[in-house]
Amino acid sequence: MRRKQIAVCDREQDYTLRFAEYANRHGDPLFLVHGFTSLEELTDYTKEHPVDMVLLSEDLMGKAQMREAAGQIICLSEQEYQENLECPAIYKYQPCPQILKKAFSVYAEENRTGLGLALKLEEMKRIGVFSPIGRVGKTGLALALGKEIARQRRVLYLNMEEYSGFEVLYPLNTAWTLSELMYFLKQGKPAFACKLESIVRQIGGLDYIPPVRSPVELRDIRKEDWELLLETLGRESRYEFVILDFGSSVEGLFELLESCDGIYMPVSRDEAAQAKVRQYEDTLKLLDLEHVLDKTQRFFSWGEAELEAYGKEEGRRWCGL
């Protein structure tokens, strides 16, 4: 499959070369960034090599006579707030990752074509982390597992709890969360991979989608929506693994657990906790889902250090190390 082509054109050679170098070193394998310092150079290139997106400096906009081969044109503005332009604008003097995220968002909203199929050799694996008991280190385990796998493979962490606490623990200046991604997906727009790249953030090398802000937003997500999201991630994203940190209120929880390749369930030893586990297991049996238990690793919750060590050990196992 052809990688999507992005061109950045700016007279400042140092800016252009640094941008392209950084984007290609740290970016998504679905695209490739080319740097140009003149319109002539860019135009000559597009005659033989169509590009999907052009990031063009503001001082070159008026002189641009771009052909259809140039794809989506976005202005690199020297003013942070630019209005009355004929095309979308992004402030050029900000970190490269922020520019790319905003460019992907523009592309996703304004184009009828997506990035195509994901560049991966195997089907994306789903790893679930769930427990019917609270405060047993479930999210800590999910993050440790994801971070370890991310050392070797491309991983996305997805928190599906009513109260994740992420907005407090990992504050971000962004309006984009899982809710916005779900809304975009349900609209049927094709450029899903671009929208995803504009939303994804990182914790310790692990990519994640900022979770919903309130339980109301989570309750609006139906089982069919979760299935559509996971199917689209498997088909169109770059990720080889997705870590699903389940909450008990997820609609279609049992069906989603059934679709996982492996499940981790931390528990505790006290009598009340064991009663909850027994009730959960009995429910699965009533639903003829005993096979979910067969691929579930149940273990007693430990301290933070031991939990992290276990997550690392399991992460290496998933990577075949």
Protein backbone atom coordinates (compact mmCIF):
# COMPACT_ATOMS: atom_id res chain seq x y z
CA MET A 1 0.00 0.00 0.00
CA ARG A 2 1.25 3.49 -0.88
CA ARG A 3 2.20 5.57 2.13
CA LYS A 4 0.39 8.90 2.27
CA GLN A 5 2.60 11.80 1.26
CA ILE A 6 2.81 15.11 3.14
CA ALA A 7 4.78 18.08 1.81
CA VAL A 8 5.98 20.99 3.94
CA CYS A 9 7.15 24.04 1.99
CA ASP A 10 8.81 27.02 3.68
CA ARG A 11 11.63 29.32 2.59
CA GLU A 12 13.35 28.79 5.96
CA GLN A 13 15.53 25.81 5.09
CA ASP A 14 16.40 24.98 8.68
CA TYR A 15 12.72 24.96 9.70
CA THR A 16 11.71 22.80 6.75
CA LEU A 17 14.46 20.21 7.11
CA ARG A 18 14.07 19.91 10.87
CA PHE A 19 10.31 19.52 10.55
CA ALA A 20 10.56 16.77 7.94
CA GLU A 21 13.33 14.96 9.81
CA TYR A 22 11.45 14.98 13.11
CA ALA A 23 8.11 13.97 11.54
CA ASN A 24 9.64 11.01 9.71
CA ARG A 25 11.60 9.86 12.74
CA HIS A 26 8.75 10.06 15.25
CA GLY A 27 5.64 9.91 13.09
CA ASP A 28 3.15 7.35 11.89
CA PRO A 29 4.34 4.70 9.37
CA LEU A 30 1.22 5.47 7.32
CA PHE A 31 2.71 8.73 6.03
CA LEU A 32 5.97 10.23 4.79
CA VAL A 33 6.93 13.93 5.01
CA HIS A 34 8.93 15.71 2.29
CA GLY A 35 10.53 19.12 2.76
CA PHE A 36 10.75 21.87 0.11
CA THR A 37 12.10 25.43 0.26
CA SER A 38 10.50 26.83 -2.92
CA LEU A 39 7.21 26.59 -4.80
CA GLU A 40 9.04 25.64 -7.96
CA GLU A 41 10.65 22.67 -6.25
CA LEU A 42 7.33 21.58 -4.76
CA THR A 43 5.42 22.01 -8.03
CA ASP A 44 7.97 20.00 -9.99
CA TYR A 45 7.74 17.21 -7.42
CA THR A 46 3.93 17.04 -7.52
CA LYS A 47 3.95 16.64 -11.31
CA GLU A 48 5.31 13.13 -10.88
CA HIS A 49 4.48 12.41 -7.24
CA PRO A 50 0.98 13.35 -6.03
CA VAL A 51 0.87 14.41 -2.39
CA ASP A 52 -2.10 14.14 -0.04
CA MET A 53 -1.43 17.20 2.11
CA VAL A 54 0.67 20.37 1.73
CA LEU A 55 1.75 22.53 4.68
CA LEU A 56 2.58 25.81 2.94
CA SER A 57 4.13 28.89 4.57
CA GLU A 58 1.93 31.97 4.66
CA ASP A 59 4.25 34.12 2.50
CA LEU A 60 3.96 31.58 -0.34
CA MET A 61 0.18 31.21 -0.25
CA GLY A 62 -0.55 34.11 -2.64
CA LYS A 63 1.89 32.79 -5.23
CA ALA A 64 0.71 29.19 -5.11
CA GLN A 65 -0.85 27.77 -8.25
CA MET A 66 -1.22 24.26 -6.94
CA ARG A 67 -2.61 21.46 -9.04
CA GLU A 68 -5.06 18.80 -7.85
CA ALA A 69 -2.05 16.61 -7.16
CA ALA A 70 -1.28 18.84 -4.16
CA GLY A 71 -4.23 17.49 -2.17
CA GLN A 72 -5.29 19.31 1.01
CA ILE A 73 -3.49 22.67 1.39
CA ILE A 74 -2.97 24.05 4.91
CA CYS A 75 -1.37 27.41 5.61
CA LEU A 76 1.55 27.59 8.04
CA SER A 77 0.70 30.95 9.59
CA GLU A 78 3.13 33.23 11.42
CA GLN A 79 0.23 34.56 13.47
CA GLU A 80 -1.24 32.40 16.20
CA TYR A 81 -4.80 33.41 15.35
CA GLN A 82 -5.35 33.82 11.63
CA GLU A 83 -8.68 34.55 9.98
CA ASN A 84 -10.12 35.19 6.51
CA LEU A 85 -7.84 32.75 4.71
CA GLU A 86 -9.06 30.68 1.80
CA CYS A 87 -7.77 27.49 3.40
CA PRO A 88 -7.28 26.19 6.97
CA ALA A 89 -4.35 27.68 8.90
CA ILE A 90 -2.03 26.33 11.61
CA TYR A 91 0.38 28.40 13.69
CA LYS A 92 3.86 27.37 12.49
CA TYR A 93 5.86 28.24 15.61
CA GLN A 94 4.75 25.38 17.83
CA PRO A 95 6.06 21.85 18.36
CA CYS A 96 6.02 19.59 15.33
CA PRO A 97 3.72 16.99 16.97
CA GLN A 98 1.10 19.68 17.61
CA ILE A 99 1.25 20.89 14.02
CA LEU A 100 0.83 17.34 12.73
CA LYS A 101 -2.09 16.61 15.07
CA LYS A 102 -3.92 19.73 13.91
CA ALA A 103 -3.12 18.97 10.28
CA PHE A 104 -4.52 15.45 10.65
CA SER A 105 -7.67 16.86 12.24
CA VAL A 106 -8.18 19.26 9.32
CA TYR A 107 -7.59 16.48 6.80
CA ALA A 108 -10.01 14.17 8.59
CA GLU A 109 -12.79 16.77 8.67
CA GLU A 110 -12.44 18.06 5.11
CA ASN A 111 -11.54 15.05 2.99
CA ARG A 112 -13.59 12.19 1.62
CA THR A 113 -10.73 9.72 1.46
CA GLY A 114 -8.92 8.01 4.32
CA LEU A 115 -5.37 6.83 4.81
CA GLY A 116 -6.18 3.36 3.59
CA LEU A 117 -5.49 0.07 5.35
CA ALA A 118 -3.11 -0.22 8.25
CA LEU A 119 0.50 -1.19 7.68
CA LYS A 120 0.81 -4.28 9.85
CA LEU A 121 1.45 -7.91 9.14
CA GLU A 122 -0.89 -9.43 11.72
CA GLU A 123 -4.36 -8.77 13.02
CA MET A 124 -4.45 -6.33 15.95
CA LYS A 125 -4.52 -8.16 19.27
CA ARG A 126 -6.96 -7.13 21.99
CA ILE A 127 -5.85 -7.43 25.62
CA GLY A 128 -8.54 -6.87 28.23
CA VAL A 129 -8.03 -5.88 31.87
CA PHE A 130 -11.12 -6.22 34.06
CA SER A 131 -12.13 -7.02 37.62
CA PRO A 132 -15.51 -7.05 39.35
CA ILE A 133 -13.65 -5.73 42.39
CA GLY A 134 -12.54 -2.15 42.86
CA ARG A 135 -9.15 -0.80 43.97
CA VAL A 136 -7.09 -3.86 43.06
CA GLY A 137 -4.59 -2.15 40.72
CA LYS A 138 -6.44 -2.80 37.47
CA THR A 139 -5.43 0.43 35.71
CA GLY A 140 -1.89 0.26 37.09
CA LEU A 141 -1.51 -3.21 35.61
CA ALA A 142 -3.02 -2.14 32.26
CA LEU A 143 -0.59 0.78 31.98
CA ALA A 144 2.46 -1.27 33.01
CA LEU A 145 1.51 -3.97 30.49
CA GLY A 146 0.96 -1.44 27.71
CA LYS A 147 4.19 0.47 28.35
CA GLU A 148 6.24 -2.72 28.25
CA ILE A 149 4.68 -3.92 24.99
CA ALA A 150 5.19 -0.42 23.55
CA ARG A 151 8.96 -0.91 23.85
CA GLN A 152 8.75 -3.39 20.97
CA ARG A 153 5.38 -2.95 19.28
CA ARG A 154 2.78 -0.28 18.50
CA VAL A 155 0.19 -0.18 21.31
CA LEU A 156 -2.91 1.89 22.07
CA TYR A 157 -4.37 2.10 25.57
CA LEU A 158 -8.11 2.66 25.85
CA ASN A 159 -9.66 3.47 29.23
CA MET A 160 -13.35 2.50 29.37
CA GLU A 161 -14.17 3.45 32.97
CA GLU A 162 -16.82 5.88 34.17
CA TYR A 163 -14.27 7.66 36.36
CA SER A 164 -10.79 7.24 34.95
CA GLY A 165 -9.22 10.18 36.80
CA PHE A 166 -7.03 10.90 33.77
CA GLU A 167 -8.10 14.54 33.51
CA VAL A 168 -6.60 15.08 36.99
CA LEU A 169 -3.64 12.70 36.79
CA TYR A 170 -2.59 13.62 33.23
CA PRO A 171 -4.06 17.09 32.53
CA LEU A 172 -4.13 18.06 28.87
CA ASN A 173 -5.05 21.26 27.13
CA THR A 174 -7.29 19.54 24.60
CA ALA A 175 -10.98 19.39 23.82
CA TRP A 176 -10.62 16.07 22.01
CA THR A 177 -11.40 12.85 23.85
CA LEU A 178 -12.85 9.42 23.19
CA SER A 179 -16.28 11.07 22.88
CA GLU A 180 -15.19 13.22 19.94
CA LEU A 181 -13.54 10.25 18.22
CA MET A 182 -16.72 8.20 18.62
CA TYR A 183 -18.81 11.05 17.20
CA PHE A 184 -16.50 11.33 14.20
CA LEU A 185 -16.60 7.57 13.62
CA LYS A 186 -20.41 7.38 13.77
CA GLN A 187 -20.68 10.15 11.20
CA GLY A 188 -19.18 7.72 8.70
CA LYS A 189 -16.29 9.95 7.64
CA PRO A 190 -13.51 7.93 6.01
CA ALA A 191 -10.34 9.63 7.29
CA PHE A 192 -10.45 7.83 10.65
CA ALA A 193 -6.69 7.28 10.92
CA CYS A 194 -6.06 11.02 10.59
CA LYS A 195 -8.64 11.87 13.24
CA LEU A 196 -7.14 9.26 15.55
CA GLU A 197 -3.65 10.71 15.14
CA SER A 198 -4.97 14.17 16.01
CA ILE A 199 -6.40 12.90 19.31
CA VAL A 200 -3.85 10.35 20.59
CA ARG A 201 -1.55 11.38 23.45
CA GLN A 202 1.28 9.58 25.29
CA ILE A 203 2.13 8.38 28.81
CA GLY A 204 5.66 7.05 29.18
CA GLY A 205 5.87 5.97 25.55
CA LEU A 206 2.38 4.44 25.53
CA ASP A 207 -0.21 5.96 23.19
CA TYR A 208 -3.68 6.53 24.62
CA ILE A 209 -6.96 8.19 23.74
CA PRO A 210 -8.00 10.71 26.44
CA PRO A 211 -10.99 9.05 28.19
CA VAL A 212 -14.49 10.48 28.46
CA ARG A 213 -14.93 13.32 30.93
CA SER A 214 -18.11 12.08 32.60
CA PRO A 215 -20.15 8.89 33.12
CA VAL A 216 -22.93 10.40 31.01
CA GLU A 217 -20.67 10.35 27.94
CA LEU A 218 -19.69 6.72 28.57
CA ARG A 219 -23.32 5.62 28.92
CA ASP A 220 -24.08 7.11 25.50
CA ILE A 221 -21.64 4.64 23.89
CA ARG A 222 -23.49 1.52 22.78
CA LYS A 223 -22.09 -1.98 22.33
CA GLU A 224 -22.24 -1.52 18.55
CA ASP A 225 -20.16 1.66 18.88
CA TRP A 226 -17.40 -0.15 20.78
CA GLU A 227 -17.40 -2.94 18.21
CA LEU A 228 -17.19 -0.43 15.35
CA LEU A 229 -14.30 1.39 17.05
CA LEU A 230 -12.30 -1.79 17.62
CA GLU A 231 -12.95 -3.10 14.12
CA THR A 232 -11.86 0.22 12.61
CA LEU A 233 -8.73 0.35 14.80
CA GLY A 234 -7.83 -3.13 13.62
CA ARG A 235 -8.41 -2.25 9.99
CA GLU A 236 -7.16 1.34 9.63
CA SER A 237 -4.82 2.22 12.50
CA ARG A 238 -1.11 1.50 12.87
CA TYR A 239 -1.56 -0.31 16.18
CA GLU A 240 -0.66 -3.97 16.66
CA PHE A 241 -2.11 -4.16 20.18
CA VAL A 242 -4.92 -2.41 22.01
CA ILE A 243 -5.14 -2.53 25.82
CA LEU A 244 -8.78 -2.36 26.94
CA ASP A 245 -9.12 -1.14 30.53
CA PHE A 246 -12.76 -2.10 31.15
CA GLY A 247 -15.15 -0.57 33.63
CA SER A 248 -18.21 -2.47 34.86
CA SER A 249 -20.62 -0.02 33.18
CA VAL A 250 -19.45 -0.66 29.62
CA GLU A 251 -22.40 -1.73 27.48
CA GLY A 252 -21.70 -5.11 25.91
CA LEU A 253 -18.97 -5.86 28.45
CA PHE A 254 -19.23 -9.64 28.21
CA GLU A 255 -19.23 -9.67 24.39
CA LEU A 256 -16.22 -7.35 24.33
CA LEU A 257 -14.37 -9.55 26.82
CA GLU A 258 -15.17 -12.52 24.61
CA SER A 259 -13.47 -10.79 21.66
CA CYS A 260 -10.21 -10.33 23.58
CA ASP A 261 -7.15 -12.47 22.90
CA GLY A 262 -6.25 -12.44 26.58
CA ILE A 263 -7.74 -11.05 29.81
CA TYR A 264 -6.17 -10.09 33.14
CA MET A 265 -8.29 -9.99 36.28
CA PRO A 266 -6.69 -8.76 39.52
CA VAL A 267 -8.60 -9.81 42.65
CA SER A 268 -8.15 -9.68 46.43
CA ARG A 269 -8.42 -12.36 49.10
CA ASP A 270 -11.09 -10.96 51.41
CA GLU A 271 -14.46 -12.70 51.67
CA ALA A 272 -16.52 -9.95 50.04
CA ALA A 273 -14.15 -9.74 47.06
CA GLN A 274 -14.24 -13.50 46.56
CA ALA A 275 -18.06 -13.41 46.62
CA LYS A 276 -18.05 -10.81 43.83
CA VAL A 277 -15.67 -12.92 41.76
CA ARG A 278 -17.91 -15.96 42.24
CA GLN A 279 -20.95 -13.98 41.12
CA TYR A 280 -19.10 -12.72 38.05
CA GLU A 281 -17.99 -16.23 37.09
CA ASP A 282 -21.49 -17.61 37.62
CA THR A 283 -22.88 -14.90 35.34
CA LEU A 284 -20.50 -15.89 32.56
CA LYS A 285 -21.55 -19.52 32.92
CA LEU A 286 -25.23 -18.59 32.74
CA LEU A 287 -24.49 -16.74 29.49
CA ASP A 288 -22.59 -19.76 28.08
CA LEU A 289 -19.38 -17.73 28.13
CA GLU A 290 -17.21 -20.09 30.17
CA HIS A 291 -14.53 -19.78 27.48
CA VAL A 292 -13.98 -16.19 28.64
CA LEU A 293 -12.75 -17.65 31.92
CA ASP A 294 -10.41 -19.98 30.03
CA LYS A 295 -8.44 -17.03 28.63
CA THR A 296 -8.54 -15.02 31.87
CA GLN A 297 -5.49 -14.86 34.11
CA ARG A 298 -6.77 -14.31 37.64
CA PHE A 299 -4.25 -13.26 40.24
CA PHE A 300 -4.23 -11.71 43.68
CA SER A 301 -3.52 -8.01 43.78
CA TRP A 302 -0.07 -7.06 45.03
CA GLY A 303 1.69 -3.84 45.87
CA GLU A 304 2.50 -1.29 43.19
CA ALA A 305 6.06 -2.52 42.57
CA GLU A 306 5.03 -6.17 42.22
CA LEU A 307 2.11 -5.23 39.97
CA GLU A 308 4.40 -3.27 37.67
CA ALA A 309 6.90 -6.13 37.55
CA TYR A 310 4.11 -8.55 36.62
CA GLY A 311 2.89 -6.18 33.88
CA LYS A 312 6.40 -5.98 32.43
CA GLU A 313 6.80 -9.74 32.51
CA GLU A 314 3.49 -10.26 30.69
CA GLY A 315 4.31 -7.49 28.24
CA ARG A 316 7.53 -9.23 27.23
CA ARG A 317 5.59 -12.46 26.82
CA TRP A 318 3.16 -10.83 24.39
CA CYS A 319 6.13 -9.55 22.40
CA GLY A 320 7.57 -13.07 22.26
CA LEU A 321 10.63 -12.17 24.35
